[in-house]
Amino acid sequence: MNKKTIIFFLPSLLFLLVFFSFKQVFAQTAQSNCSVVKVGSPSTGVNLPENCNITSSGAGGPAGGTETQMGQQAVQLAKGQIHKTYDWGACHGNLSNVPNGCDHYDCSGLVRWSWYWASGGKVNWLETTNVNWNLGQGTYQRFPASEKANLQPGDILYFTEDNTTKASHTGIYEGTGGCGANDCFVEEYTQDFPGRENSLSKVKGFLGYLRPVVQ
């Protein structure tokens, strides 16, 4: 084969090489799981192949998914807001117009906002800590403090400050995290101070926890 013949057939050979390479990649993709990240609040749905999972990136868009995935997302959303300071009564009311977070939070406000956006608005807690703790079964599972070993990320913790059954403080369980232990939780806790990651073992008055049931 002379030089002119090689030059003549070279584009065709390159085309075939690229074609079969892409075909192999697409075949592998079709057999594997994929992840599509939704950023913001798209007005239309996302058409996905089978076996694809949708997650959400940060604040601003509904996440959805399984309750376990929502719990993990709630933790990440809460952690992204704890640089903001505590203000009693803050971030109550309608949450649909604050996708990027409130200016301030109290303890229940942070829990409400984080779970609201992690669930795409499906979990919308009431504004009072003690009322939520005592609502009863239905929209969540309730666990006593004695079942602490079964905590999962996203579970909503409740505490009493006066050694009664009245809940006066709440936070979101994380697990291993920035508190330097394996029982971290995220909380807004004191007026005019930013939130933090704290260790459950360091806090007195733990009543138990709620796990949202998404309907």
C-alpha atoms as a PDB file:
ATOM      1  CA  MET A   1       0.000   0.000   0.000  1.00  0.00           C
ATOM      2  CA  ASN A   2       1.522   3.301  -1.099  1.00  0.00           C
ATOM      3  CA  LYS A   3       1.480   6.600   0.771  1.00  0.00           C
ATOM      4  CA  LYS A   4      -1.388   8.096  -1.278  1.00  0.00           C
ATOM      5  CA  THR A   5      -3.610   5.087  -0.563  1.00  0.00           C
ATOM      6  CA  ILE A   6      -2.953   5.352   3.183  1.00  0.00           C
ATOM      7  CA  ILE A   7      -3.816   9.059   3.175  1.00  0.00           C
ATOM      8  CA  PHE A   8      -7.015   8.329   1.220  1.00  0.00           C
ATOM      9  CA  PHE A   9      -8.296   5.710   3.691  1.00  0.00           C
ATOM     10  CA  LEU A  10      -7.082   7.433   6.891  1.00  0.00           C
ATOM     11  CA  PRO A  11     -10.246   9.590   7.517  1.00  0.00           C
ATOM     12  CA  SER A  12     -12.470   6.538   7.149  1.00  0.00           C
ATOM     13  CA  LEU A  13     -10.365   4.537   9.577  1.00  0.00           C
ATOM     14  CA  LEU A  14     -10.453   7.351  12.145  1.00  0.00           C
ATOM     15  CA  PHE A  15     -14.232   7.635  11.811  1.00  0.00           C
ATOM     16  CA  LEU A  16     -14.716   3.916  12.448  1.00  0.00           C
ATOM     17  CA  LEU A  17     -12.386   4.003  15.431  1.00  0.00           C
ATOM     18  CA  VAL A  18     -14.296   6.899  17.036  1.00  0.00           C
ATOM     19  CA  PHE A  19     -17.663   5.311  16.227  1.00  0.00           C
ATOM     20  CA  PHE A  20     -16.906   1.987  17.917  1.00  0.00           C
ATOM     21  CA  SER A  21     -15.318   3.733  20.922  1.00  0.00           C
ATOM     22  CA  PHE A  22     -18.482   5.755  21.561  1.00  0.00           C
ATOM     23  CA  LYS A  23     -20.634   2.682  21.046  1.00  0.00           C
ATOM     24  CA  GLN A  24     -18.717   0.829  23.747  1.00  0.00           C
ATOM     25  CA  VAL A  25     -19.009   3.736  26.193  1.00  0.00           C
ATOM     26  CA  PHE A  26     -22.772   4.043  25.658  1.00  0.00           C
ATOM     27  CA  ALA A  27     -23.226   0.315  26.162  1.00  0.00           C
ATOM     28  CA  GLN A  28     -21.387   0.468  29.486  1.00  0.00           C
ATOM     29  CA  THR A  29     -23.410   3.473  30.600  1.00  0.00           C
ATOM     30  CA  ALA A  30     -26.676   1.728  29.820  1.00  0.00           C
ATOM     31  CA  GLN A  31     -25.688  -1.123  32.128  1.00  0.00           C
ATOM     32  CA  SER A  32     -24.649   1.042  35.076  1.00  0.00           C
ATOM     33  CA  ASN A  33     -26.340   3.353  37.548  1.00  0.00           C
ATOM     34  CA  CYS A  34     -26.071   7.081  37.011  1.00  0.00           C
ATOM     35  CA  SER A  35     -26.665  10.133  39.137  1.00  0.00           C
ATOM     36  CA  VAL A  36     -28.351  13.333  37.981  1.00  0.00           C
ATOM     37  CA  VAL A  37     -27.964  16.356  40.206  1.00  0.00           C
ATOM     38  CA  LYS A  38     -30.762  18.930  40.197  1.00  0.00           C
ATOM     39  CA  VAL A  39     -29.585  22.445  40.970  1.00  0.00           C
ATOM     40  CA  GLY A  40     -32.145  25.190  41.510  1.00  0.00           C
ATOM     41  CA  SER A  41     -35.869  24.678  40.999  1.00  0.00           C
ATOM     42  CA  PRO A  42     -36.502  23.358  37.484  1.00  0.00           C
ATOM     43  CA  SER A  43     -40.040  23.992  36.282  1.00  0.00           C
ATOM     44  CA  THR A  44     -40.223  20.684  34.443  1.00  0.00           C
ATOM     45  CA  GLY A  45     -39.310  17.147  35.362  1.00  0.00           C
ATOM     46  CA  VAL A  46     -36.157  15.360  34.333  1.00  0.00           C
ATOM     47  CA  ASN A  47     -36.521  12.380  31.982  1.00  0.00           C
ATOM     48  CA  LEU A  48     -34.045   9.710  33.036  1.00  0.00           C
ATOM     49  CA  PRO A  49     -33.094   6.265  31.833  1.00  0.00           C
ATOM     50  CA  GLU A  50     -33.879   3.371  34.129  1.00  0.00           C
ATOM     51  CA  ASN A  51     -31.550   2.821  37.118  1.00  0.00           C
ATOM     52  CA  CYS A  52     -30.798   6.537  37.451  1.00  0.00           C
ATOM     53  CA  ASN A  53     -31.001   8.241  40.826  1.00  0.00           C
ATOM     54  CA  ILE A  54     -31.766  11.935  41.393  1.00  0.00           C
ATOM     55  CA  THR A  55     -30.070  13.852  44.167  1.00  0.00           C
ATOM     56  CA  SER A  56     -29.986  17.547  44.959  1.00  0.00           C
ATOM     57  CA  SER A  57     -27.052  19.895  45.310  1.00  0.00           C
ATOM     58  CA  GLY A  58     -27.259  22.310  48.209  1.00  0.00           C
ATOM     59  CA  ALA A  59     -30.145  24.635  48.852  1.00  0.00           C
ATOM     60  CA  GLY A  60     -32.475  25.913  46.219  1.00  0.00           C
ATOM     61  CA  GLY A  61     -34.154  22.796  44.848  1.00  0.00           C
ATOM     62  CA  PRO A  62     -36.267  19.911  46.037  1.00  0.00           C
ATOM     63  CA  ALA A  63     -34.347  16.736  46.681  1.00  0.00           C
ATOM     64  CA  GLY A  64     -36.754  13.847  47.179  1.00  0.00           C
ATOM     65  CA  GLY A  65     -35.524  10.259  46.992  1.00  0.00           C
ATOM     66  CA  THR A  66     -35.819   7.752  49.817  1.00  0.00           C
ATOM     67  CA  GLU A  67     -36.299   8.836  53.412  1.00  0.00           C
ATOM     68  CA  THR A  68     -32.704   7.801  54.118  1.00  0.00           C
ATOM     69  CA  GLN A  69     -31.455  10.023  51.286  1.00  0.00           C
ATOM     70  CA  MET A  70     -33.633  12.880  52.496  1.00  0.00           C
ATOM     71  CA  GLY A  71     -32.226  12.515  56.011  1.00  0.00           C
ATOM     72  CA  GLN A  72     -28.680  12.745  54.714  1.00  0.00           C
ATOM     73  CA  GLN A  73     -29.632  15.748  52.605  1.00  0.00           C
ATOM     74  CA  ALA A  74     -31.254  17.436  55.610  1.00  0.00           C
ATOM     75  CA  VAL A  75     -27.964  17.101  57.503  1.00  0.00           C
ATOM     76  CA  GLN A  76     -25.995  18.686  54.670  1.00  0.00           C
ATOM     77  CA  LEU A  77     -28.481  21.529  54.291  1.00  0.00           C
ATOM     78  CA  ALA A  78     -28.402  22.234  58.025  1.00  0.00           C
ATOM     79  CA  LYS A  79     -24.601  22.240  58.100  1.00  0.00           C
ATOM     80  CA  GLY A  80     -24.633  24.788  55.300  1.00  0.00           C
ATOM     81  CA  GLN A  81     -26.682  27.189  57.445  1.00  0.00           C
ATOM     82  CA  ILE A  82     -25.087  27.035  60.901  1.00  0.00           C
ATOM     83  CA  HIS A  83     -22.812  29.993  60.210  1.00  0.00           C
ATOM     84  CA  LYS A  84     -25.988  32.056  60.705  1.00  0.00           C
ATOM     85  CA  THR A  85     -26.890  33.217  64.186  1.00  0.00           C
ATOM     86  CA  TYR A  86     -29.694  32.096  66.478  1.00  0.00           C
ATOM     87  CA  ASP A  87     -32.721  34.343  66.810  1.00  0.00           C
ATOM     88  CA  TRP A  88     -35.722  33.049  68.741  1.00  0.00           C
ATOM     89  CA  GLY A  89     -38.729  32.599  66.454  1.00  0.00           C
ATOM     90  CA  ALA A  90     -36.701  32.953  63.256  1.00  0.00           C
ATOM     91  CA  CYS A  91     -37.424  30.950  60.091  1.00  0.00           C
ATOM     92  CA  HIS A  92     -41.010  30.147  61.028  1.00  0.00           C
ATOM     93  CA  GLY A  93     -43.965  30.490  58.707  1.00  0.00           C
ATOM     94  CA  ASN A  94     -43.922  29.794  54.965  1.00  0.00           C
ATOM     95  CA  LEU A  95     -40.681  28.114  53.870  1.00  0.00           C
ATOM     96  CA  SER A  96     -41.376  27.833  50.137  1.00  0.00           C
ATOM     97  CA  ASN A  97     -39.973  31.291  49.417  1.00  0.00           C
ATOM     98  CA  VAL A  98     -36.607  30.794  51.183  1.00  0.00           C
ATOM     99  CA  PRO A  99     -34.806  28.101  49.131  1.00  0.00           C
ATOM    100  CA  ASN A 100     -31.400  29.521  49.989  1.00  0.00           C
ATOM    101  CA  GLY A 101     -32.048  29.705  53.712  1.00  0.00           C
ATOM    102  CA  CYS A 102     -33.339  32.199  56.258  1.00  0.00           C
ATOM    103  CA  ASP A 103     -31.304  35.095  57.632  1.00  0.00           C
ATOM    104  CA  HIS A 104     -31.436  33.591  61.144  1.00  0.00           C
ATOM    105  CA  TYR A 105     -32.774  30.462  62.849  1.00  0.00           C
ATOM    106  CA  ASP A 106     -33.916  29.192  66.174  1.00  0.00           C
ATOM    107  CA  CYS A 107     -33.512  25.480  66.890  1.00  0.00           C
ATOM    108  CA  SER A 108     -36.827  24.368  65.394  1.00  0.00           C
ATOM    109  CA  GLY A 109     -36.512  26.815  62.505  1.00  0.00           C
ATOM    110  CA  LEU A 110     -33.289  25.147  61.336  1.00  0.00           C
ATOM    111  CA  VAL A 111     -34.874  21.684  61.589  1.00  0.00           C
ATOM    112  CA  ARG A 112     -38.006  22.793  59.717  1.00  0.00           C
ATOM    113  CA  TRP A 113     -36.129  24.490  56.888  1.00  0.00           C
ATOM    114  CA  SER A 114     -33.613  21.670  56.404  1.00  0.00           C
ATOM    115  CA  TRP A 115     -36.197  18.903  56.243  1.00  0.00           C
ATOM    116  CA  TYR A 116     -38.610  20.977  54.152  1.00  0.00           C
ATOM    117  CA  TRP A 117     -36.071  21.453  51.382  1.00  0.00           C
ATOM    118  CA  ALA A 118     -34.491  18.013  51.727  1.00  0.00           C
ATOM    119  CA  SER A 119     -37.920  16.465  51.083  1.00  0.00           C
ATOM    120  CA  GLY A 120     -39.023  18.847  48.372  1.00  0.00           C
ATOM    121  CA  GLY A 121     -41.660  20.321  50.678  1.00  0.00           C
ATOM    122  CA  LYS A 122     -43.156  16.971  51.732  1.00  0.00           C
ATOM    123  CA  VAL A 123     -42.014  17.324  55.348  1.00  0.00           C
ATOM    124  CA  ASN A 124     -43.337  20.551  56.835  1.00  0.00           C
ATOM    125  CA  TRP A 125     -43.024  20.604  60.621  1.00  0.00           C
ATOM    126  CA  LEU A 126     -45.003  22.815  62.955  1.00  0.00           C
ATOM    127  CA  GLU A 127     -43.177  25.734  64.506  1.00  0.00           C
ATOM    128  CA  THR A 128     -43.097  24.704  68.164  1.00  0.00           C
ATOM    129  CA  THR A 129     -40.592  22.113  69.390  1.00  0.00           C
ATOM    130  CA  ASN A 130     -42.764  20.568  72.100  1.00  0.00           C
ATOM    131  CA  VAL A 131     -45.846  20.376  69.848  1.00  0.00           C
ATOM    132  CA  ASN A 132     -43.907  18.405  67.224  1.00  0.00           C
ATOM    133  CA  TRP A 133     -42.527  16.008  69.837  1.00  0.00           C
ATOM    134  CA  ASN A 134     -46.007  15.221  71.165  1.00  0.00           C
ATOM    135  CA  LEU A 135     -48.012  14.972  67.945  1.00  0.00           C
ATOM    136  CA  GLY A 136     -48.046  11.172  67.984  1.00  0.00           C
ATOM    137  CA  GLN A 137     -47.537   8.621  65.223  1.00  0.00           C
ATOM    138  CA  GLY A 138     -48.475   9.270  61.621  1.00  0.00           C
ATOM    139  CA  THR A 139     -46.084  11.623  59.931  1.00  0.00           C
ATOM    140  CA  TYR A 140     -43.067  10.213  61.727  1.00  0.00           C
ATOM    141  CA  GLN A 141     -41.754   7.339  63.809  1.00  0.00           C
ATOM    142  CA  ARG A 142     -41.025   8.143  67.434  1.00  0.00           C
ATOM    143  CA  PHE A 143     -38.144   6.593  69.359  1.00  0.00           C
ATOM    144  CA  PRO A 144     -37.285   6.977  73.066  1.00  0.00           C
ATOM    145  CA  ALA A 145     -33.800   7.888  74.274  1.00  0.00           C
ATOM    146  CA  SER A 146     -33.190   4.226  75.126  1.00  0.00           C
ATOM    147  CA  GLU A 147     -33.041   3.487  71.376  1.00  0.00           C
ATOM    148  CA  LYS A 148     -30.176   5.887  70.763  1.00  0.00           C
ATOM    149  CA  ALA A 149     -28.151   3.080  69.155  1.00  0.00           C
ATOM    150  CA  ASN A 150     -30.573   3.060  66.205  1.00  0.00           C
ATOM    151  CA  LEU A 151     -30.118   6.715  65.265  1.00  0.00           C
ATOM    152  CA  GLN A 152     -29.735   7.504  61.571  1.00  0.00           C
ATOM    153  CA  PRO A 153     -28.538  10.725  59.859  1.00  0.00           C
ATOM    154  CA  GLY A 154     -31.436  13.138  59.599  1.00  0.00           C
ATOM    155  CA  ASP A 155     -33.277  11.937  62.694  1.00  0.00           C
ATOM    156  CA  ILE A 156     -34.663  14.850  64.684  1.00  0.00           C
ATOM    157  CA  LEU A 157     -33.434  14.949  68.282  1.00  0.00           C
ATOM    158  CA  TYR A 158     -35.409  16.363  71.201  1.00  0.00           C
ATOM    159  CA  PHE A 159     -34.157  17.552  74.585  1.00  0.00           C
ATOM    160  CA  THR A 160     -35.638  18.830  77.829  1.00  0.00           C
ATOM    161  CA  GLU A 161     -33.986  21.497  79.931  1.00  0.00           C
ATOM    162  CA  ASP A 162     -36.034  21.014  83.116  1.00  0.00           C
ATOM    163  CA  ASN A 163     -35.953  17.213  83.584  1.00  0.00           C
ATOM    164  CA  THR A 164     -39.557  16.798  82.444  1.00  0.00           C
ATOM    165  CA  THR A 165     -41.088  15.260  79.326  1.00  0.00           C
ATOM    166  CA  LYS A 166     -41.548  18.710  77.769  1.00  0.00           C
ATOM    167  CA  ALA A 167     -39.249  19.174  74.767  1.00  0.00           C
ATOM    168  CA  SER A 168     -37.526  22.547  74.705  1.00  0.00           C
ATOM    169  CA  HIS A 169     -34.689  22.010  72.212  1.00  0.00           C
ATOM    170  CA  THR A 170     -34.183  20.154  68.933  1.00  0.00           C
ATOM    171  CA  GLY A 171     -31.458  19.370  66.401  1.00  0.00           C
ATOM    172  CA  ILE A 172     -30.644  17.060  63.466  1.00  0.00           C
ATOM    173  CA  TYR A 173     -28.571  13.935  64.015  1.00  0.00           C
ATOM    174  CA  GLU A 174     -25.483  13.595  61.827  1.00  0.00           C
ATOM    175  CA  GLY A 175     -23.381  10.710  63.188  1.00  0.00           C
ATOM    176  CA  THR A 176     -19.658  10.959  62.586  1.00  0.00           C
ATOM    177  CA  GLY A 177     -18.948  14.570  61.754  1.00  0.00           C
ATOM    178  CA  GLY A 178     -17.377  17.867  62.637  1.00  0.00           C
ATOM    179  CA  CYS A 179     -17.894  17.617  66.392  1.00  0.00           C
ATOM    180  CA  GLY A 180     -14.990  15.165  66.654  1.00  0.00           C
ATOM    181  CA  ALA A 181     -17.167  12.212  67.719  1.00  0.00           C
ATOM    182  CA  ASN A 182     -19.426   9.599  66.149  1.00  0.00           C
ATOM    183  CA  ASP A 183     -22.653  11.024  67.628  1.00  0.00           C
ATOM    184  CA  CYS A 184     -22.655  14.552  66.201  1.00  0.00           C
ATOM    185  CA  PHE A 185     -25.778  16.574  65.638  1.00  0.00           C
ATOM    186  CA  VAL A 186     -26.427  19.985  64.078  1.00  0.00           C
ATOM    187  CA  GLU A 187     -28.112  22.683  66.146  1.00  0.00           C
ATOM    188  CA  GLU A 188     -28.885  26.336  66.626  1.00  0.00           C
ATOM    189  CA  TYR A 189     -28.686  26.805  70.359  1.00  0.00           C
ATOM    190  CA  THR A 190     -28.067  30.276  71.870  1.00  0.00           C
ATOM    191  CA  GLN A 191     -29.306  33.767  71.071  1.00  0.00           C
ATOM    192  CA  ASP A 192     -26.993  35.739  68.761  1.00  0.00           C
ATOM    193  CA  PHE A 193     -24.515  32.850  68.411  1.00  0.00           C
ATOM    194  CA  PRO A 194     -24.040  30.831  65.220  1.00  0.00           C
ATOM    195  CA  GLY A 195     -25.088  27.203  65.112  1.00  0.00           C
ATOM    196  CA  ARG A 196     -22.702  24.297  65.616  1.00  0.00           C
ATOM    197  CA  GLU A 197     -22.072  20.580  65.423  1.00  0.00           C
ATOM    198  CA  ASN A 198     -22.304  19.147  68.919  1.00  0.00           C
ATOM    199  CA  SER A 199     -21.845  15.686  70.454  1.00  0.00           C
ATOM    200  CA  LEU A 200     -24.991  13.995  71.753  1.00  0.00           C
ATOM    201  CA  SER A 201     -23.052  12.429  74.614  1.00  0.00           C
ATOM    202  CA  LYS A 202     -22.201  15.896  75.926  1.00  0.00           C
ATOM    203  CA  VAL A 203     -25.794  17.102  76.189  1.00  0.00           C
ATOM    204  CA  LYS A 204     -28.137  16.329  79.094  1.00  0.00           C
ATOM    205  CA  GLY A 205     -31.873  15.884  78.883  1.00  0.00           C
ATOM    206  CA  PHE A 206     -32.101  13.746  75.714  1.00  0.00           C
ATOM    207  CA  LEU A 207     -35.738  12.657  75.342  1.00  0.00           C
ATOM    208  CA  GLY A 208     -35.594  10.732  72.075  1.00  0.00           C
ATOM    209  CA  TYR A 209     -35.971  11.339  68.368  1.00  0.00           C
ATOM    210  CA  LEU A 210     -38.408  11.452  65.477  1.00  0.00           C
ATOM    211  CA  ARG A 211     -37.872   9.986  62.008  1.00  0.00           C
ATOM    212  CA  PRO A 212     -40.079  11.556  59.323  1.00  0.00           C
ATOM    213  CA  VAL A 213     -42.326   9.297  57.283  1.00  0.00           C
ATOM    214  CA  VAL A 214     -42.608  10.858  53.842  1.00  0.00           C
ATOM    215  CA  GLN A 215     -46.015  10.343  52.256  1.00  0.00           C
END
